[in-house]
Protein backbone atom coordinates (compact mmCIF):
# COMPACT_ATOMS: atom_id res chain seq x y z
CA MET A 1 -18.03 -77.39 -86.96
CA ARG A 2 -18.25 -74.02 -88.19
CA ARG A 3 -17.18 -74.86 -86.98
CA TRP A 4 -18.76 -72.80 -89.49
CA MET A 5 -19.90 -72.53 -91.98
CA THR A 6 -19.69 -68.95 -92.84
CA CYS A 7 -18.35 -70.01 -96.27
CA LEU A 8 -20.00 -67.96 -99.13
CA PRO A 9 -22.20 -69.77 -101.75
CA ILE A 10 -20.44 -69.89 -105.23
CA ALA A 11 -22.32 -66.74 -106.57
CA LEU A 12 -21.36 -64.63 -103.52
CA LEU A 13 -17.74 -65.65 -103.24
CA THR A 14 -17.16 -65.28 -107.06
CA ALA A 15 -18.56 -61.83 -106.86
CA ALA A 16 -16.38 -60.93 -103.86
CA LEU A 17 -13.35 -62.12 -105.67
CA ALA A 18 -14.26 -60.16 -108.66
CA GLY A 19 -14.89 -57.01 -106.56
CA CYS A 20 -18.56 -56.54 -107.45
CA GLU A 21 -21.94 -56.55 -105.83
CA ALA A 22 -24.07 -59.81 -105.60
CA GLU A 23 -27.57 -60.21 -104.21
CA SER A 24 -27.94 -62.88 -101.65
CA PRO A 25 -30.56 -65.37 -102.36
CA PRO A 26 -33.77 -65.20 -100.06
CA ALA A 27 -33.11 -66.85 -96.63
CA SER A 28 -36.49 -68.41 -96.76
CA SER A 29 -35.53 -70.54 -99.80
CA GLN A 30 -31.73 -71.22 -99.30
CA GLY A 31 -31.01 -70.84 -95.78
CA PHE A 32 -28.20 -68.72 -94.12
CA ALA A 33 -25.72 -67.43 -96.63
CA GLY A 34 -27.22 -69.57 -99.43
CA LEU A 35 -26.04 -72.72 -97.83
CA GLY A 36 -29.47 -74.47 -98.29
CA SER A 37 -29.16 -74.14 -102.09
CA GLU A 38 -28.97 -77.27 -104.22
CA THR A 39 -25.78 -78.14 -106.07
CA GLU A 40 -25.63 -81.54 -108.03
CA GLY A 41 -22.63 -83.59 -109.03
CA PHE A 42 -20.25 -83.14 -106.06
CA ARG A 43 -19.11 -85.97 -103.93
CA GLN A 44 -21.30 -86.78 -100.96
CA ALA A 45 -20.33 -87.13 -97.36
CA ALA A 46 -21.78 -90.29 -95.99
CA PRO A 47 -21.37 -92.77 -93.17
CA GLY A 48 -18.97 -95.69 -93.95
CA SER A 49 -16.52 -93.38 -95.48
CA PRO A 50 -13.28 -93.97 -93.21
CA LEU A 51 -11.08 -91.02 -92.61
CA ARG A 52 -7.53 -91.46 -93.72
CA PHE A 53 -4.36 -89.68 -92.65
CA PRO A 54 -2.41 -87.87 -93.57
CA GLU A 55 -4.43 -87.45 -96.78
CA ASP A 56 -7.59 -86.02 -95.17
CA HIS A 57 -5.50 -83.16 -93.79
CA GLY A 58 -5.33 -81.95 -97.33
CA PRO A 59 -7.98 -80.53 -99.81
CA HIS A 60 -11.02 -82.39 -101.09
CA PRO A 61 -11.69 -80.69 -104.46
CA ASP A 62 -14.42 -83.00 -105.49
CA PHE A 63 -16.43 -81.91 -102.36
CA ARG A 64 -18.12 -78.40 -102.55
CA ILE A 65 -16.95 -76.73 -99.31
CA GLU A 66 -14.35 -77.15 -96.66
CA TRP A 67 -12.35 -75.49 -94.10
CA TRP A 68 -9.31 -75.37 -91.79
CA TYR A 69 -10.50 -73.52 -88.67
CA LEU A 70 -8.60 -72.55 -85.56
CA THR A 71 -9.50 -70.74 -82.46
CA ALA A 72 -7.25 -70.18 -79.38
CA ASN A 73 -7.86 -68.99 -75.83
CA LEU A 74 -4.54 -67.26 -74.69
CA GLU A 75 -3.24 -65.27 -71.77
CA ASP A 76 -0.19 -62.79 -71.79
CA GLU A 77 2.52 -62.41 -69.24
CA THR A 78 0.10 -60.39 -66.85
CA GLY A 79 -2.74 -62.84 -67.03
CA GLU A 80 -4.83 -60.75 -69.40
CA SER A 81 -7.03 -62.83 -71.77
CA LEU A 82 -6.81 -62.72 -75.57
CA GLY A 83 -8.47 -64.61 -78.40
CA VAL A 84 -7.34 -65.39 -81.92
CA GLN A 85 -9.03 -66.98 -84.82
CA TRP A 86 -7.52 -68.13 -88.17
CA THR A 87 -9.58 -69.79 -90.90
CA LEU A 88 -9.06 -71.07 -94.36
CA PHE A 89 -12.11 -71.76 -96.55
CA ARG A 90 -12.09 -73.53 -100.05
CA GLN A 91 -14.92 -73.73 -102.30
CA ALA A 92 -15.20 -75.60 -105.72
CA GLN A 93 -17.03 -73.57 -108.45
CA LEU A 94 -17.88 -76.67 -110.60
CA PRO A 95 -18.61 -80.39 -109.84
CA PRO A 96 -15.91 -82.73 -111.18
CA ALA A 97 -17.87 -83.78 -114.30
CA ASP A 98 -18.17 -80.10 -115.41
CA ARG A 99 -14.61 -79.11 -115.15
CA ALA A 100 -12.15 -78.88 -118.28
CA GLU A 101 -9.81 -81.87 -118.59
CA THR A 102 -6.95 -79.57 -119.12
CA PRO A 103 -7.72 -76.28 -117.44
CA GLY A 104 -6.05 -73.20 -118.98
CA PRO A 105 -3.54 -70.88 -117.08
CA TRP A 106 -6.35 -68.50 -115.93
CA ALA A 107 -8.69 -71.31 -114.60
CA ALA A 108 -10.08 -70.45 -111.25
CA GLU A 109 -11.76 -73.89 -110.26
CA GLN A 110 -11.23 -73.31 -106.55
CA LEU A 111 -12.00 -70.22 -104.65
CA TRP A 112 -10.30 -69.38 -101.37
CA MET A 113 -11.29 -67.15 -98.40
CA ALA A 114 -9.34 -66.49 -95.23
CA HIS A 115 -10.30 -64.72 -92.03
CA ILE A 116 -8.04 -63.77 -89.11
CA ALA A 117 -9.12 -62.18 -85.76
CA VAL A 118 -7.40 -60.82 -82.55
CA SER A 119 -9.60 -59.85 -79.48
CA ARG A 120 -8.49 -58.39 -76.12
CA ARG A 121 -10.98 -56.69 -73.72
CA GLU A 122 -13.20 -54.29 -75.96
CA THR A 123 -10.74 -54.56 -78.79
CA HIS A 124 -11.71 -56.73 -81.65
CA ARG A 125 -9.65 -56.80 -84.88
CA VAL A 126 -10.75 -58.64 -88.09
CA ALA A 127 -9.37 -59.03 -91.50
CA GLU A 128 -10.34 -61.01 -94.67
CA ARG A 129 -8.70 -62.12 -97.86
CA PHE A 130 -9.71 -63.92 -101.10
CA ALA A 131 -7.85 -65.85 -103.74
CA ARG A 132 -8.43 -68.23 -106.48
CA SER A 133 -6.55 -71.28 -107.93
CA PRO A 134 -6.76 -73.92 -110.52
CA MET A 135 -7.74 -77.46 -109.55
CA ALA A 136 -4.19 -78.88 -110.11
CA SER A 137 -0.79 -77.17 -110.70
CA ASN A 138 2.75 -78.25 -111.47
CA GLU A 139 3.96 -75.68 -108.90
CA PRO A 140 1.29 -75.64 -106.08
CA SER A 141 3.56 -73.67 -103.59
CA ARG A 142 3.52 -70.78 -106.20
CA GLN A 143 -0.30 -70.43 -105.91
CA GLN A 144 -1.70 -67.55 -104.01
CA ALA A 145 -3.59 -69.98 -101.70
CA GLY A 146 -3.84 -73.71 -101.17
CA VAL A 147 -3.05 -76.60 -99.04
CA ASN A 148 -0.04 -79.08 -99.41
CA LEU A 149 0.48 -82.35 -97.73
CA ASP A 150 4.26 -82.87 -97.95
CA PRO A 151 4.82 -81.15 -95.69
CA PHE A 152 1.50 -80.09 -94.51
CA HIS A 153 1.08 -76.17 -95.41
CA ALA A 154 -2.24 -74.18 -95.64
CA TRP A 155 -1.94 -70.73 -96.71
CA LEU A 156 -3.45 -67.70 -98.40
CA ASP A 157 -0.70 -65.08 -99.18
CA ASP A 158 1.42 -64.87 -96.11
CA TRP A 159 -1.16 -66.16 -93.76
CA ARG A 160 -0.13 -69.64 -93.04
CA LEU A 161 -0.69 -72.77 -91.01
CA GLU A 162 2.44 -75.08 -91.38
CA SER A 163 3.52 -78.36 -89.86
CA ARG A 164 6.86 -78.48 -87.99
CA VAL A 165 6.84 -82.32 -88.00
CA SER A 166 9.80 -83.97 -89.57
CA ASN A 167 9.10 -87.62 -88.54
CA PRO A 168 6.76 -89.14 -91.18
CA GLN A 169 5.45 -91.45 -88.61
CA ARG A 170 3.86 -88.62 -86.73
CA ASP A 171 0.76 -86.78 -87.48
CA PRO A 172 1.62 -83.65 -89.38
CA LEU A 173 -0.82 -81.79 -87.33
CA SER A 174 0.89 -82.69 -84.08
CA ARG A 175 3.03 -79.80 -84.23
CA LEU A 176 2.19 -76.51 -86.22
CA GLU A 177 3.33 -73.07 -86.58
CA LEU A 178 0.58 -70.33 -87.32
CA GLU A 179 1.41 -66.82 -88.55
CA ALA A 180 -0.73 -64.06 -89.84
CA MET A 181 -0.44 -60.18 -89.79
CA ALA A 182 -2.80 -57.48 -91.12
CA GLU A 183 -3.68 -53.89 -90.53
CA MET A 184 -6.81 -52.18 -89.40
CA ASP A 185 -7.19 -48.43 -88.89
CA GLY A 186 -3.57 -48.01 -89.51
CA GLU A 187 -2.59 -50.43 -86.61
CA PRO A 188 -0.90 -53.76 -87.21
CA PHE A 189 -2.39 -56.70 -85.62
CA GLY A 190 -1.70 -60.65 -85.83
CA TYR A 191 0.33 -63.27 -84.25
CA ARG A 192 3.07 -65.93 -84.58
CA LEU A 193 2.25 -69.03 -82.62
CA ASP A 194 3.51 -72.49 -82.08
CA LEU A 195 1.06 -75.42 -81.48
CA ILE A 196 1.83 -78.69 -79.89
CA ALA A 197 -0.93 -81.33 -79.64
CA GLU A 198 -1.09 -83.10 -76.32
CA GLY A 199 -3.78 -85.63 -77.33
CA PRO A 200 -5.23 -87.40 -80.55
CA LEU A 201 -7.26 -86.29 -83.39
CA VAL A 202 -11.17 -86.54 -82.54
CA PHE A 203 -13.77 -87.67 -84.97
CA HIS A 204 -17.33 -86.39 -84.61
CA GLY A 205 -20.43 -88.42 -85.21
CA GLU A 206 -20.03 -91.84 -86.80
CA ASP A 207 -16.42 -92.33 -87.42
CA GLY A 208 -16.05 -88.90 -88.79
CA PHE A 209 -19.49 -88.55 -90.66
CA ASN A 210 -21.39 -85.90 -88.66
CA GLN A 211 -25.16 -85.84 -89.58
CA LYS A 212 -26.58 -82.55 -89.35
CA THR A 213 -30.26 -82.72 -90.49
CA VAL A 214 -33.11 -85.22 -89.59
CA ASP A 215 -32.94 -86.16 -93.26
CA GLY A 216 -29.48 -87.44 -93.14
CA GLU A 217 -27.31 -84.63 -94.75
CA GLY A 218 -24.08 -84.16 -93.17
CA SER A 219 -20.22 -83.54 -93.38
CA MET A 220 -16.95 -85.25 -92.72
CA TYR A 221 -15.82 -83.66 -89.61
CA TYR A 222 -12.82 -84.10 -87.19
CA SER A 223 -10.95 -81.85 -84.73
CA GLN A 224 -7.56 -81.47 -82.98
CA PRO A 225 -8.69 -79.86 -79.62
CA PHE A 226 -5.58 -80.70 -77.70
CA PHE A 227 -3.22 -78.01 -78.81
CA ARG A 228 -1.00 -76.29 -76.28
CA VAL A 229 0.03 -72.90 -77.52
CA SER A 230 2.83 -70.42 -77.09
CA GLY A 231 4.08 -67.38 -79.09
CA GLU A 232 3.46 -63.64 -79.68
CA VAL A 233 0.41 -61.58 -80.36
CA THR A 234 0.51 -58.11 -81.76
CA LEU A 235 -2.35 -55.64 -80.97
CA ASP A 236 -2.80 -51.96 -80.52
CA GLY A 237 0.99 -51.37 -81.38
CA THR A 238 2.15 -53.80 -78.63
CA SER A 239 3.53 -57.28 -78.84
CA ARG A 240 2.75 -59.69 -76.10
CA GLN A 241 4.25 -63.25 -75.20
CA VAL A 242 1.19 -65.56 -74.87
CA THR A 243 0.36 -69.13 -73.85
CA GLY A 244 -2.85 -70.98 -73.92
CA ARG A 245 -5.02 -73.65 -75.67
CA ALA A 246 -6.30 -74.03 -79.20
CA TRP A 247 -8.99 -76.07 -81.02
CA LEU A 248 -8.66 -76.88 -84.77
CA ASP A 249 -11.65 -77.96 -86.77
CA ARG A 250 -11.53 -79.81 -90.28
CA GLU A 251 -14.79 -80.17 -92.19
CA TRP A 252 -15.97 -80.85 -95.68
CA TRP A 253 -19.20 -81.56 -97.39
CA SER A 254 -21.06 -81.56 -100.75
CA SER A 255 -24.56 -80.52 -101.76
CA ARG A 256 -25.90 -78.66 -98.74
CA MET A 257 -24.87 -77.68 -95.32
CA LEU A 258 -28.29 -76.46 -94.26
CA GLU A 259 -31.73 -77.39 -95.31
CA PRO A 260 -33.52 -74.38 -96.83
CA TRP A 261 -35.64 -73.89 -93.70
CA GLN A 262 -32.79 -73.74 -91.45
CA THR A 263 -31.71 -70.23 -90.44
CA GLY A 264 -28.22 -70.64 -88.99
CA TRP A 265 -26.34 -72.40 -86.24
CA ASP A 266 -24.92 -71.78 -82.78
CA TRP A 267 -21.58 -73.76 -81.99
CA ILE A 268 -19.62 -73.83 -78.71
CA SER A 269 -16.31 -75.60 -77.91
CA LEU A 270 -15.01 -75.74 -74.59
CA HIS A 271 -11.73 -76.73 -72.78
CA LEU A 272 -12.97 -77.87 -69.30
CA ALA A 273 -10.78 -77.45 -66.37
CA ASP A 274 -10.73 -81.31 -65.65
CA GLY A 275 -8.91 -82.01 -68.99
CA ARG A 276 -12.10 -82.91 -71.02
CA LYS A 277 -13.24 -81.02 -74.00
CA LEU A 278 -16.95 -80.46 -75.00
CA MET A 279 -18.43 -79.52 -78.38
CA ALA A 280 -22.15 -78.50 -78.68
CA TYR A 281 -23.94 -77.55 -81.85
CA ARG A 282 -27.38 -76.38 -82.56
CA LEU A 283 -28.98 -75.94 -86.08
CA ARG A 284 -31.83 -73.53 -85.82
CA GLY A 285 -35.01 -74.57 -87.72
CA GLY A 286 -35.25 -78.35 -87.13
CA SER A 287 -37.11 -79.79 -90.29
CA ASP A 288 -39.90 -78.89 -92.66
CA ARG A 289 -42.06 -81.35 -90.81
CA GLY A 290 -42.09 -79.07 -87.48
CA GLU A 291 -39.46 -80.84 -85.47
CA GLY A 292 -37.42 -78.58 -83.15
CA ASP A 293 -33.83 -77.36 -83.52
CA TYR A 294 -31.33 -79.90 -84.38
CA LEU A 295 -28.82 -80.47 -81.72
CA PHE A 296 -25.61 -82.69 -81.28
CA GLY A 297 -22.48 -82.63 -79.38
CA ASN A 298 -19.22 -84.64 -78.34
CA LEU A 299 -17.78 -84.88 -74.93
CA ILE A 300 -14.02 -85.76 -75.14
CA SER A 301 -12.15 -87.33 -72.37
CA PRO A 302 -8.58 -86.03 -71.44
CA GLN A 303 -7.20 -89.19 -73.30
CA GLY A 304 -9.13 -88.45 -76.45
CA SER A 305 -12.02 -90.91 -76.31
CA SER A 306 -15.37 -89.57 -77.45
CA THR A 307 -19.06 -89.70 -76.26
CA SER A 308 -21.47 -88.56 -79.06
CA LEU A 309 -24.46 -86.70 -77.60
CA GLY A 310 -27.65 -86.61 -79.53
CA SER A 311 -30.61 -84.30 -79.41
CA THR A 312 -32.08 -86.12 -76.38
CA GLU A 313 -28.69 -86.03 -74.35
CA ILE A 314 -27.62 -82.38 -74.74
CA SER A 315 -29.61 -79.06 -74.39
CA LEU A 316 -28.35 -75.55 -75.37
CA THR A 317 -30.77 -72.73 -74.30
CA PRO A 318 -30.14 -68.95 -74.65
CA LEU A 319 -30.48 -67.10 -71.42
CA ALA A 320 -29.63 -63.59 -72.35
CA THR A 321 -28.92 -61.35 -75.41
CA SER A 322 -26.69 -58.53 -76.20
CA THR A 323 -27.20 -55.94 -79.10
CA VAL A 324 -24.22 -56.22 -81.43
CA ALA A 325 -24.01 -54.73 -84.96
CA GLY A 326 -27.88 -53.87 -84.74
CA ARG A 327 -28.70 -57.55 -83.92
CA ASP A 328 -29.89 -59.09 -80.65
CA LEU A 329 -27.45 -62.09 -80.22
CA PRO A 330 -27.63 -64.54 -77.34
CA THR A 331 -24.31 -64.14 -75.47
CA ARG A 332 -25.20 -66.18 -72.36
CA TRP A 333 -26.36 -69.77 -72.68
CA ARG A 334 -27.32 -72.85 -70.51
CA LEU A 335 -25.49 -76.00 -71.61
CA GLU A 336 -26.65 -79.25 -70.20
CA VAL A 337 -25.45 -82.76 -70.48
CA PRO A 338 -27.47 -84.56 -67.74
CA SER A 339 -25.81 -87.88 -68.19
CA GLN A 340 -22.47 -86.35 -67.27
CA HIS A 341 -23.79 -84.14 -64.54
CA LEU A 342 -22.86 -81.09 -66.46
CA ASP A 343 -25.12 -77.90 -66.01
CA LEU A 344 -23.15 -74.94 -67.35
CA GLU A 345 -23.70 -71.32 -67.82
CA VAL A 346 -21.61 -70.22 -70.93
CA GLU A 347 -21.19 -66.48 -71.29
CA ALA A 348 -19.21 -64.15 -73.47
CA PRO A 349 -17.34 -61.58 -71.27
CA HIS A 350 -17.22 -59.21 -74.22
CA ALA A 351 -20.13 -59.03 -76.70
CA ASN A 352 -18.36 -57.14 -79.36
CA ARG A 353 -17.01 -60.01 -81.38
CA TRP A 354 -18.79 -59.31 -84.53
CA MET A 355 -17.10 -60.69 -87.72
CA ASP A 356 -17.96 -57.97 -90.21
CA THR A 357 -16.85 -59.97 -93.25
CA SER A 358 -18.40 -60.74 -96.64
CA VAL A 359 -20.83 -63.25 -94.71
CA PRO A 360 -21.03 -61.50 -91.20
CA TYR A 361 -21.16 -63.67 -88.08
CA TRP A 362 -20.22 -63.66 -84.46
CA GLU A 363 -17.24 -65.48 -83.12
CA GLY A 364 -15.64 -65.06 -79.73
CA GLN A 365 -14.26 -66.13 -76.35
CA VAL A 366 -16.61 -67.67 -73.74
CA ILE A 367 -16.29 -68.71 -69.99
CA ALA A 368 -18.15 -71.79 -68.81
CA ARG A 369 -19.30 -71.78 -65.07
CA ASP A 370 -21.35 -74.31 -63.01
CA ARG A 371 -24.85 -73.09 -62.78
CA GLU A 372 -25.35 -73.80 -59.11
CA SER A 373 -22.14 -72.93 -57.55
CA GLY A 374 -20.75 -70.34 -60.20
CA GLU A 375 -17.41 -71.97 -60.13
CA THR A 376 -15.42 -71.53 -63.26
CA LEU A 377 -15.19 -74.81 -65.07
CA GLY A 378 -13.68 -73.92 -68.40
CA GLU A 379 -13.23 -71.57 -71.35
CA GLY A 380 -13.64 -71.68 -75.18
CA TYR A 381 -15.22 -70.31 -78.12
CA LEU A 382 -18.79 -69.49 -79.34
CA GLU A 383 -19.92 -69.01 -83.05
CA MET A 384 -23.30 -67.78 -84.00
CA THR A 385 -24.49 -67.37 -87.63
CA GLY A 386 -27.75 -66.20 -89.14
CA TYR A 387 -28.89 -63.75 -86.76
């Protein structure tokens, strides 16, 4: 879910776009990054709302928050591991009923935030950008940020994720080009990657409605976890040819992502060696009635069929922590799916994957091993928020 979300609440993102300071609401009343705050009037994610394509690849402006989120585990020509991230977030400032019928030329009804990261060994480079846009435009491609459907194109400035599918009968996300470049400490970093899907889209939860609290709150959530990747990564003044695998998450929701008492989440996506994919998610804090953490997951076959995993069918337990950015973060986990005879130890080989962005979080590569034999069974990404 996420893959996140690290998306800023309206007040914080507005302040960031304006270049001014904003005080975060208390975590005890509004959860991580204010995502437990109430907002009325937006469309609600609910079971029985079928996903439709290609429409749902595009924006959902009547929902409060959504994102297009991609992570990739790569190798260069020497076998050296690299990780990349590209994320575009959209947030509506006002519910549909409160918007002007004819917005003016300076209207900023939608706020956008983008993150990119490139990681190799101890090096971790991160950049962040912001933009705003009106709800509708006669020339959407001239906006600083947005998502078009015909053809599919998601962008903020020159950071872009773009379809390379010409056949209208094919899914626009089945072939993509990803490009982003930035600079940190005077050194350029970024990537240009080609992504080809070798499997279908995957829906999470109940036909795409993914419940995230015991009280029924949730989001619309699907993924494309079958991307095969090739291209070029630039880091530390060197460009490398790379290949690997990527996972794209699409998610949108309305009033709240977290209950006020939930402090954050831990999310893991894995490409297993036998061709299966595994997503596991833990919302910390359970409920106001004292239940434990809220857990769910999805085990995906090599052909793309899904097995939803509830809180009694999956467990995610921290085993060891690392001190990162002054915080103690669990960077080694036990992930169990007893019905599938999976007992994994999931570990981050490099702990310094802190995303020092407007709302900071941890995001980085992990390796999955069989807990009994130590055999490497897969690789993927871990995201942790609220620490």
